[in-house]
Amino acid sequence: MEVVQSIEAPLVAGLIELELQEVEKRSCMIDCAVVVLPQPPYSSDLTLSDFYLFGPLKDAFRGTRFEDVKGVIQAVRTWLHEQDKS
């Protein structure tokens, strides 16, 4: 029985410490008026094959500044049309 108690004590102390850290974190978030955003819903619209575009798209526009959203949309459309269709 002593062996179990000697093993349990550090585990329980560790769990209590983790719980106290969580309470402290939540208290700080409340004090700082942090708004926790919900996780967006899963979108099955994007398939794994769609993700290969994101890296090259980011690279193509890295450092580019646009005047407005319409400029972004036009630039992305142009970039997409220039890509190989295969």
PDB file of N, CA and C in Angstrom:
ATOM      1  N   MET A   1       0.814  -1.200   0.000  1.00  0.00           N
ATOM      2  CA  MET A   1       0.000   0.000   0.000  1.00  0.00           C
ATOM      3  C   MET A   1       0.860   1.268   0.000  1.00  0.00           C
ATOM      4  N   GLU A   2       2.010   1.207   0.682  1.00  0.00           N
ATOM      5  CA  GLU A   2       2.892   2.369   0.732  1.00  0.00           C
ATOM      6  C   GLU A   2       3.452   2.700  -0.647  1.00  0.00           C
ATOM      7  N   VAL A   3       3.684   1.667  -1.460  1.00  0.00           N
ATOM      8  CA  VAL A   3       4.212   1.892  -2.806  1.00  0.00           C
ATOM      9  C   VAL A   3       3.205   2.671  -3.640  1.00  0.00           C
ATOM     10  N   VAL A   4       1.935   2.283  -3.539  1.00  0.00           N
ATOM     11  CA  VAL A   4       0.883   2.969  -4.285  1.00  0.00           C
ATOM     12  C   VAL A   4       0.781   4.416  -3.833  1.00  0.00           C
ATOM     13  N   GLN A   5       0.819   4.633  -2.522  1.00  0.00           N
ATOM     14  CA  GLN A   5       0.723   5.995  -2.007  1.00  0.00           C
ATOM     15  C   GLN A   5       1.926   6.835  -2.431  1.00  0.00           C
ATOM     16  N   SER A   6       3.113   6.224  -2.468  1.00  0.00           N
ATOM     17  CA  SER A   6       4.300   6.988  -2.854  1.00  0.00           C
ATOM     18  C   SER A   6       4.265   7.349  -4.342  1.00  0.00           C
ATOM     19  N   ILE A   7       3.590   6.525  -5.143  1.00  0.00           N
ATOM     20  CA  ILE A   7       3.438   6.833  -6.560  1.00  0.00           C
ATOM     21  C   ILE A   7       2.312   7.841  -6.772  1.00  0.00           C
ATOM     22  N   GLU A   8       1.229   7.689  -6.008  1.00  0.00           N
ATOM     23  CA  GLU A   8       0.065   8.567  -6.162  1.00  0.00           C
ATOM     24  C   GLU A   8       0.367  10.005  -5.779  1.00  0.00           C
ATOM     25  N   ALA A   9       1.143  10.213  -4.739  1.00  0.00           N
ATOM     26  CA  ALA A   9       1.363  11.561  -4.214  1.00  0.00           C
ATOM     27  C   ALA A   9       1.900  12.521  -5.281  1.00  0.00           C
ATOM     28  N   PRO A  10       2.966  12.178  -6.005  1.00  0.00           N
ATOM     29  CA  PRO A  10       3.443  13.116  -7.031  1.00  0.00           C
ATOM     30  C   PRO A  10       2.444  13.306  -8.171  1.00  0.00           C
ATOM     31  N   LEU A  11       1.731  12.241  -8.517  1.00  0.00           N
ATOM     32  CA  LEU A  11       0.748  12.355  -9.591  1.00  0.00           C
ATOM     33  C   LEU A  11      -0.382  13.295  -9.207  1.00  0.00           C
ATOM     34  N   VAL A  12      -0.892  13.127  -8.001  1.00  0.00           N
ATOM     35  CA  VAL A  12      -1.981  13.988  -7.529  1.00  0.00           C
ATOM     36  C   VAL A  12      -1.490  15.426  -7.408  1.00  0.00           C
ATOM     37  N   ALA A  13      -0.282  15.604  -6.897  1.00  0.00           N
ATOM     38  CA  ALA A  13       0.273  16.957  -6.777  1.00  0.00           C
ATOM     39  C   ALA A  13       0.409  17.598  -8.159  1.00  0.00           C
ATOM     40  N   GLY A  14       0.844  16.815  -9.137  1.00  0.00           N
ATOM     41  CA  GLY A  14       0.968  17.334 -10.499  1.00  0.00           C
ATOM     42  C   GLY A  14      -0.373  17.717 -11.083  1.00  0.00           C
ATOM     43  N   LEU A  15      -1.392  16.892 -10.843  1.00  0.00           N
ATOM     44  CA  LEU A  15      -2.734  17.200 -11.343  1.00  0.00           C
ATOM     45  C   LEU A  15      -3.290  18.457 -10.693  1.00  0.00           C
ATOM     46  N   ILE A  16      -3.055  18.596  -9.409  1.00  0.00           N
ATOM     47  CA  ILE A  16      -3.530  19.794  -8.702  1.00  0.00           C
ATOM     48  C   ILE A  16      -2.820  21.030  -9.253  1.00  0.00           C
ATOM     49  N   GLU A  17      -1.524  20.913  -9.500  1.00  0.00           N
ATOM     50  CA  GLU A  17      -0.761  22.037 -10.054  1.00  0.00           C
ATOM     51  C   GLU A  17      -1.298  22.443 -11.425  1.00  0.00           C
ATOM     52  N   LEU A  18      -1.587  21.452 -12.280  1.00  0.00           N
ATOM     53  CA  LEU A  18      -2.154  21.751 -13.594  1.00  0.00           C
ATOM     54  C   LEU A  18      -3.511  22.433 -13.474  1.00  0.00           C
ATOM     55  N   GLU A  19      -4.323  21.962 -12.543  1.00  0.00           N
ATOM     56  CA  GLU A  19      -5.648  22.558 -12.343  1.00  0.00           C
ATOM     57  C   GLU A  19      -5.518  23.999 -11.856  1.00  0.00           C
ATOM     58  N   LEU A  20      -4.582  24.254 -10.956  1.00  0.00           N
ATOM     59  CA  LEU A  20      -4.368  25.619 -10.466  1.00  0.00           C
ATOM     60  C   LEU A  20      -3.881  26.540 -11.587  1.00  0.00           C
ATOM     61  N   GLN A  21      -3.014  26.022 -12.457  1.00  0.00           N
ATOM     62  CA  GLN A  21      -2.552  26.820 -13.592  1.00  0.00           C
ATOM     63  C   GLN A  21      -3.713  27.164 -14.522  1.00  0.00           C
ATOM     64  N   GLU A  22      -4.605  26.206 -14.733  1.00  0.00           N
ATOM     65  CA  GLU A  22      -5.764  26.439 -15.599  1.00  0.00           C
ATOM     66  C   GLU A  22      -6.684  27.503 -14.992  1.00  0.00           C
ATOM     67  N   VAL A  23      -6.915  27.418 -13.690  1.00  0.00           N
ATOM     68  CA  VAL A  23      -7.760  28.404 -13.009  1.00  0.00           C
ATOM     69  C   VAL A  23      -7.117  29.788 -13.096  1.00  0.00           C
ATOM     70  N   GLU A  24      -5.809  29.847 -12.897  1.00  0.00           N
ATOM     71  CA  GLU A  24      -5.102  31.130 -12.975  1.00  0.00           C
ATOM     72  C   GLU A  24      -5.185  31.710 -14.386  1.00  0.00           C
ATOM     73  N   LYS A  25      -5.036  30.854 -15.383  1.00  0.00           N
ATOM     74  CA  LYS A  25      -5.110  31.307 -16.774  1.00  0.00           C
ATOM     75  C   LYS A  25      -6.497  31.861 -17.083  1.00  0.00           C
ATOM     76  N   ARG A  26      -7.531  31.138 -16.670  1.00  0.00           N
ATOM     77  CA  ARG A  26      -8.898  31.600 -16.927  1.00  0.00           C
ATOM     78  C   ARG A  26      -9.193  32.905 -16.187  1.00  0.00           C
ATOM     79  N   SER A  27      -8.695  33.016 -14.966  1.00  0.00           N
ATOM     80  CA  SER A  27      -8.890  34.238 -14.190  1.00  0.00           C
ATOM     81  C   SER A  27      -8.227  35.425 -14.884  1.00  0.00           C
ATOM     82  N   CYS A  28      -7.028  35.216 -15.392  1.00  0.00           N
ATOM     83  CA  CYS A  28      -6.313  36.276 -16.108  1.00  0.00           C
ATOM     84  C   CYS A  28      -7.072  36.673 -17.372  1.00  0.00           C
ATOM     85  N   MET A  29      -7.623  35.681 -18.073  1.00  0.00           N
ATOM     86  CA  MET A  29      -8.378  35.972 -19.292  1.00  0.00           C
ATOM     87  C   MET A  29      -9.625  36.795 -18.974  1.00  0.00           C
ATOM     88  N   ILE A  30     -10.266  36.494 -17.864  1.00  0.00           N
ATOM     89  CA  ILE A  30     -11.449  37.257 -17.458  1.00  0.00           C
ATOM     90  C   ILE A  30     -11.047  38.680 -17.079  1.00  0.00           C
ATOM     91  N   ASP A  31      -9.965  38.806 -16.299  1.00  0.00           N
ATOM     92  CA  ASP A  31      -9.499  40.129 -15.877  1.00  0.00           C
ATOM     93  C   ASP A  31      -9.098  40.995 -17.066  1.00  0.00           C
ATOM     94  N   CYS A  32      -8.513  40.383 -18.073  1.00  0.00           N
ATOM     95  CA  CYS A  32      -8.048  41.123 -19.252  1.00  0.00           C
ATOM     96  C   CYS A  32      -9.123  41.244 -20.325  1.00  0.00           C
ATOM     97  N   ALA A  33     -10.312  40.735 -20.056  1.00  0.00           N
ATOM     98  CA  ALA A  33     -11.446  40.778 -20.989  1.00  0.00           C
ATOM     99  C   ALA A  33     -11.099  40.136 -22.331  1.00  0.00           C
ATOM    100  N   VAL A  34     -10.424  38.991 -22.277  1.00  0.00           N
ATOM    101  CA  VAL A  34     -10.060  38.263 -23.490  1.00  0.00           C
ATOM    102  C   VAL A  34     -11.295  37.552 -24.021  1.00  0.00           C
ATOM    103  N   VAL A  35     -11.558  37.726 -25.299  1.00  0.00           N
ATOM    104  CA  VAL A  35     -12.687  37.054 -25.939  1.00  0.00           C
ATOM    105  C   VAL A  35     -12.157  35.789 -26.617  1.00  0.00           C
ATOM    106  N   VAL A  36     -12.693  34.653 -26.222  1.00  0.00           N
ATOM    107  CA  VAL A  36     -12.285  33.382 -26.815  1.00  0.00           C
ATOM    108  C   VAL A  36     -13.214  33.102 -27.986  1.00  0.00           C
ATOM    109  N   LEU A  37     -12.632  33.014 -29.166  1.00  0.00           N
ATOM    110  CA  LEU A  37     -13.425  32.760 -30.362  1.00  0.00           C
ATOM    111  C   LEU A  37     -13.676  31.268 -30.509  1.00  0.00           C
ATOM    112  N   PRO A  38     -14.878  30.895 -30.930  1.00  0.00           N
ATOM    113  CA  PRO A  38     -15.149  29.473 -31.121  1.00  0.00           C
ATOM    114  C   PRO A  38     -14.386  28.949 -32.333  1.00  0.00           C
ATOM    115  N   GLN A  39     -14.098  27.659 -32.301  1.00  0.00           N
ATOM    116  CA  GLN A  39     -13.416  27.047 -33.435  1.00  0.00           C
ATOM    117  C   GLN A  39     -14.367  27.043 -34.618  1.00  0.00           C
ATOM    118  N   PRO A  40     -13.883  27.440 -35.788  1.00  0.00           N
ATOM    119  CA  PRO A  40     -14.777  27.461 -36.951  1.00  0.00           C
ATOM    120  C   PRO A  40     -15.229  26.046 -37.300  1.00  0.00           C
ATOM    121  N   PRO A  41     -16.396  25.928 -37.891  1.00  0.00           N
ATOM    122  CA  PRO A  41     -16.876  24.597 -38.251  1.00  0.00           C
ATOM    123  C   PRO A  41     -15.991  23.976 -39.324  1.00  0.00           C
ATOM    124  N   TYR A  42     -15.970  22.671 -39.343  1.00  0.00           N
ATOM    125  CA  TYR A  42     -15.190  21.944 -40.344  1.00  0.00           C
ATOM    126  C   TYR A  42     -15.795  22.187 -41.714  1.00  0.00           C
ATOM    127  N   SER A  43     -14.963  22.447 -42.678  1.00  0.00           N
ATOM    128  CA  SER A  43     -15.439  22.653 -44.036  1.00  0.00           C
ATOM    129  C   SER A  43     -14.914  21.538 -44.921  1.00  0.00           C
ATOM    130  N   SER A  44     -15.814  20.759 -45.455  1.00  0.00           N
ATOM    131  CA  SER A  44     -15.398  19.687 -46.351  1.00  0.00           C
ATOM    132  C   SER A  44     -15.206  20.213 -47.776  1.00  0.00           C
ATOM    133  N   ASP A  45     -15.372  21.533 -47.962  1.00  0.00           N
ATOM    134  CA  ASP A  45     -15.166  22.128 -49.283  1.00  0.00           C
ATOM    135  C   ASP A  45     -13.704  22.035 -49.718  1.00  0.00           C
ATOM    136  N   LEU A  46     -12.793  22.078 -48.745  1.00  0.00           N
ATOM    137  CA  LEU A  46     -11.375  22.016 -49.067  1.00  0.00           C
ATOM    138  C   LEU A  46     -10.896  20.571 -48.991  1.00  0.00           C
ATOM    139  N   THR A  47     -10.362  20.097 -50.071  1.00  0.00           N
ATOM    140  CA  THR A  47      -9.789  18.757 -50.080  1.00  0.00           C
ATOM    141  C   THR A  47      -8.283  18.881 -49.943  1.00  0.00           C
ATOM    142  N   LEU A  48      -7.623  17.776 -49.688  1.00  0.00           N
ATOM    143  CA  LEU A  48      -6.173  17.818 -49.530  1.00  0.00           C
ATOM    144  C   LEU A  48      -5.493  18.365 -50.776  1.00  0.00           C
ATOM    145  N   SER A  49      -6.061  18.096 -51.932  1.00  0.00           N
ATOM    146  CA  SER A  49      -5.441  18.592 -53.162  1.00  0.00           C
ATOM    147  C   SER A  49      -5.537  20.113 -53.287  1.00  0.00           C
ATOM    148  N   ASP A  50      -6.452  20.745 -52.554  1.00  0.00           N
ATOM    149  CA  ASP A  50      -6.564  22.206 -52.591  1.00  0.00           C
ATOM    150  C   ASP A  50      -5.416  22.887 -51.842  1.00  0.00           C
ATOM    151  N   PHE A  51      -4.861  22.205 -50.863  1.00  0.00           N
ATOM    152  CA  PHE A  51      -3.882  22.844 -49.997  1.00  0.00           C
ATOM    153  C   PHE A  51      -2.549  23.120 -50.686  1.00  0.00           C
ATOM    154  N   TYR A  52      -2.268  22.455 -51.789  1.00  0.00           N
ATOM    155  CA  TYR A  52      -0.993  22.704 -52.469  1.00  0.00           C
ATOM    156  C   TYR A  52      -0.929  24.124 -53.021  1.00  0.00           C
ATOM    157  N   LEU A  53      -2.069  24.765 -53.217  1.00  0.00           N
ATOM    158  CA  LEU A  53      -2.096  26.128 -53.755  1.00  0.00           C
ATOM    159  C   LEU A  53      -1.680  27.179 -52.735  1.00  0.00           C
ATOM    160  N   PHE A  54      -1.928  26.923 -51.461  1.00  0.00           N
ATOM    161  CA  PHE A  54      -1.753  27.974 -50.465  1.00  0.00           C
ATOM    162  C   PHE A  54      -0.313  28.463 -50.353  1.00  0.00           C
ATOM    163  N   GLY A  55       0.661  27.563 -50.351  1.00  0.00           N
ATOM    164  CA  GLY A  55       2.067  27.976 -50.249  1.00  0.00           C
ATOM    165  C   GLY A  55       2.499  28.840 -51.418  1.00  0.00           C
ATOM    166  N   PRO A  56       2.324  28.350 -52.662  1.00  0.00           N
ATOM    167  CA  PRO A  56       2.706  29.176 -53.817  1.00  0.00           C
ATOM    168  C   PRO A  56       1.919  30.489 -53.900  1.00  0.00           C
ATOM    169  N   LEU A  57       0.662  30.473 -53.502  1.00  0.00           N
ATOM    170  CA  LEU A  57      -0.141  31.698 -53.520  1.00  0.00           C
ATOM    171  C   LEU A  57       0.438  32.719 -52.549  1.00  0.00           C
ATOM    172  N   LYS A  58       0.786  32.265 -51.347  1.00  0.00           N
ATOM    173  CA  LYS A  58       1.401  33.166 -50.369  1.00  0.00           C
ATOM    174  C   LYS A  58       2.730  33.701 -50.889  1.00  0.00           C
ATOM    175  N   ASP A  59       3.530  32.814 -51.492  1.00  0.00           N
ATOM    176  CA  ASP A  59       4.828  33.244 -52.021  1.00  0.00           C
ATOM    177  C   ASP A  59       4.667  34.283 -53.130  1.00  0.00           C
ATOM    178  N   ALA A  60       3.662  34.101 -53.972  1.00  0.00           N
ATOM    179  CA  ALA A  60       3.456  35.014 -55.099  1.00  0.00           C
ATOM    180  C   ALA A  60       3.116  36.428 -54.636  1.00  0.00           C
ATOM    181  N   PHE A  61       2.443  36.553 -53.506  1.00  0.00           N
ATOM    182  CA  PHE A  61       1.992  37.875 -53.053  1.00  0.00           C
ATOM    183  C   PHE A  61       2.723  38.379 -51.817  1.00  0.00           C
ATOM    184  N   ARG A  62       3.769  37.661 -51.412  1.00  0.00           N
ATOM    185  CA  ARG A  62       4.523  38.090 -50.232  1.00  0.00           C
ATOM    186  C   ARG A  62       5.096  39.484 -50.471  1.00  0.00           C
ATOM    187  N   GLY A  63       4.842  40.391 -49.540  1.00  0.00           N
ATOM    188  CA  GLY A  63       5.350  41.751 -49.633  1.00  0.00           C
ATOM    189  C   GLY A  63       4.516  42.688 -50.488  1.00  0.00           C
ATOM    190  N   THR A  64       3.456  42.175 -51.103  1.00  0.00           N
ATOM    191  CA  THR A  64       2.604  43.004 -51.960  1.00  0.00           C
ATOM    192  C   THR A  64       1.562  43.717 -51.109  1.00  0.00           C
ATOM    193  N   ARG A  65       1.364  44.988 -51.385  1.00  0.00           N
ATOM    194  CA  ARG A  65       0.321  45.752 -50.691  1.00  0.00           C
ATOM    195  C   ARG A  65      -0.756  46.109 -51.695  1.00  0.00           C
ATOM    196  N   PHE A  66      -1.991  45.938 -51.288  1.00  0.00           N
ATOM    197  CA  PHE A  66      -3.127  46.216 -52.160  1.00  0.00           C
ATOM    198  C   PHE A  66      -3.884  47.423 -51.635  1.00  0.00           C
ATOM    199  N   GLU A  67      -4.479  48.165 -52.544  1.00  0.00           N
ATOM    200  CA  GLU A  67      -5.255  49.347 -52.176  1.00  0.00           C
ATOM    201  C   GLU A  67      -6.571  48.965 -51.512  1.00  0.00           C
ATOM    202  N   ASP A  68      -7.195  47.890 -52.016  1.00  0.00           N
ATOM    203  CA  ASP A  68      -8.493  47.486 -51.481  1.00  0.00           C
ATOM    204  C   ASP A  68      -8.713  45.997 -51.741  1.00  0.00           C
ATOM    205  N   VAL A  69      -9.838  45.492 -51.275  1.00  0.00           N
ATOM    206  CA  VAL A  69     -10.168  44.073 -51.409  1.00  0.00           C
ATOM    207  C   VAL A  69     -10.346  43.692 -52.873  1.00  0.00           C
ATOM    208  N   LYS A  70     -10.903  44.598 -53.661  1.00  0.00           N
ATOM    209  CA  LYS A  70     -11.093  44.299 -55.085  1.00  0.00           C
ATOM    210  C   LYS A  70      -9.756  44.021 -55.771  1.00  0.00           C
ATOM    211  N   GLY A  71      -8.733  44.744 -55.389  1.00  0.00           N
ATOM    212  CA  GLY A  71      -7.404  44.513 -55.948  1.00  0.00           C
ATOM    213  C   GLY A  71      -6.863  43.138 -55.589  1.00  0.00           C
ATOM    214  N   VAL A  72      -7.126  42.710 -54.360  1.00  0.00           N
ATOM    215  CA  VAL A  72      -6.700  41.378 -53.920  1.00  0.00           C
ATOM    216  C   VAL A  72      -7.414  40.314 -54.736  1.00  0.00           C
ATOM    217  N   ILE A  73      -8.725  40.463 -54.858  1.00  0.00           N
ATOM    218  CA  ILE A  73      -9.522  39.475 -55.598  1.00  0.00           C
ATOM    219  C   ILE A  73      -9.055  39.385 -57.043  1.00  0.00           C
ATOM    220  N   GLN A  74      -8.836  40.523 -57.671  1.00  0.00           N
ATOM    221  CA  GLN A  74      -8.393  40.533 -59.068  1.00  0.00           C
ATOM    222  C   GLN A  74      -7.019  39.890 -59.214  1.00  0.00           C
ATOM    223  N   ALA A  75      -6.107  40.201 -58.304  1.00  0.00           N
ATOM    224  CA  ALA A  75      -4.755  39.638 -58.382  1.00  0.00           C
ATOM    225  C   ALA A  75      -4.775  38.124 -58.192  1.00  0.00           C
ATOM    226  N   VAL A  76      -5.579  37.647 -57.252  1.00  0.00           N
ATOM    227  CA  VAL A  76      -5.666  36.200 -57.013  1.00  0.00           C
ATOM    228  C   VAL A  76      -6.300  35.506 -58.211  1.00  0.00           C
ATOM    229  N   ARG A  77      -7.341  36.086 -58.765  1.00  0.00           N
ATOM    230  CA  ARG A  77      -7.971  35.485 -59.952  1.00  0.00           C
ATOM    231  C   ARG A  77      -6.978  35.402 -61.111  1.00  0.00           C
ATOM    232  N   THR A  78      -6.239  36.473 -61.326  1.00  0.00           N
ATOM    233  CA  THR A  78      -5.241  36.477 -62.395  1.00  0.00           C
ATOM    234  C   THR A  78      -4.194  35.402 -62.138  1.00  0.00           C
ATOM    235  N   TRP A  79      -3.717  35.317 -60.898  1.00  0.00           N
ATOM    236  CA  TRP A  79      -2.709  34.313 -60.547  1.00  0.00           C
ATOM    237  C   TRP A  79      -3.245  32.901 -60.778  1.00  0.00           C
ATOM    238  N   LEU A  80      -4.491  32.660 -60.374  1.00  0.00           N
ATOM    239  CA  LEU A  80      -5.082  31.327 -60.551  1.00  0.00           C
ATOM    240  C   LEU A  80      -5.204  30.963 -62.028  1.00  0.00           C
ATOM    241  N   HIS A  81      -5.589  31.921 -62.861  1.00  0.00           N
ATOM    242  CA  HIS A  81      -5.725  31.651 -64.299  1.00  0.00           C
ATOM    243  C   HIS A  81      -4.376  31.364 -64.954  1.00  0.00           C
ATOM    244  N   GLU A  82      -3.302  31.902 -64.382  1.00  0.00           N
ATOM    245  CA  GLU A  82      -1.962  31.679 -64.934  1.00  0.00           C
ATOM    246  C   GLU A  82      -1.378  30.321 -64.547  1.00  0.00           C
ATOM    247  N   GLN A  83      -1.996  29.651 -63.559  1.00  0.00           N
ATOM    248  CA  GLN A  83      -1.453  28.376 -63.086  1.00  0.00           C
ATOM    249  C   GLN A  83      -1.757  27.250 -64.060  1.00  0.00           C
ATOM    250  N   ASP A  84      -0.872  26.246 -64.051  1.00  0.00           N
ATOM    251  CA  ASP A  84      -1.040  25.067 -64.900  1.00  0.00           C
ATOM    252  C   ASP A  84      -2.294  24.318 -64.459  1.00  0.00           C
ATOM    253  N   LYS A  85      -3.124  23.942 -65.385  1.00  0.00           N
ATOM    254  CA  LYS A  85      -4.402  23.293 -65.070  1.00  0.00           C
ATOM    255  C   LYS A  85      -4.255  21.810 -64.729  1.00  0.00           C
ATOM    256  N   SER A  86      -3.114  21.219 -64.997  1.00  0.00           N
ATOM    257  CA  SER A  86      -2.962  19.781 -64.760  1.00  0.00           C
ATOM    258  C   SER A  86      -2.636  19.448 -63.331  1.00  0.00           C
TER     259      SER A  86
END
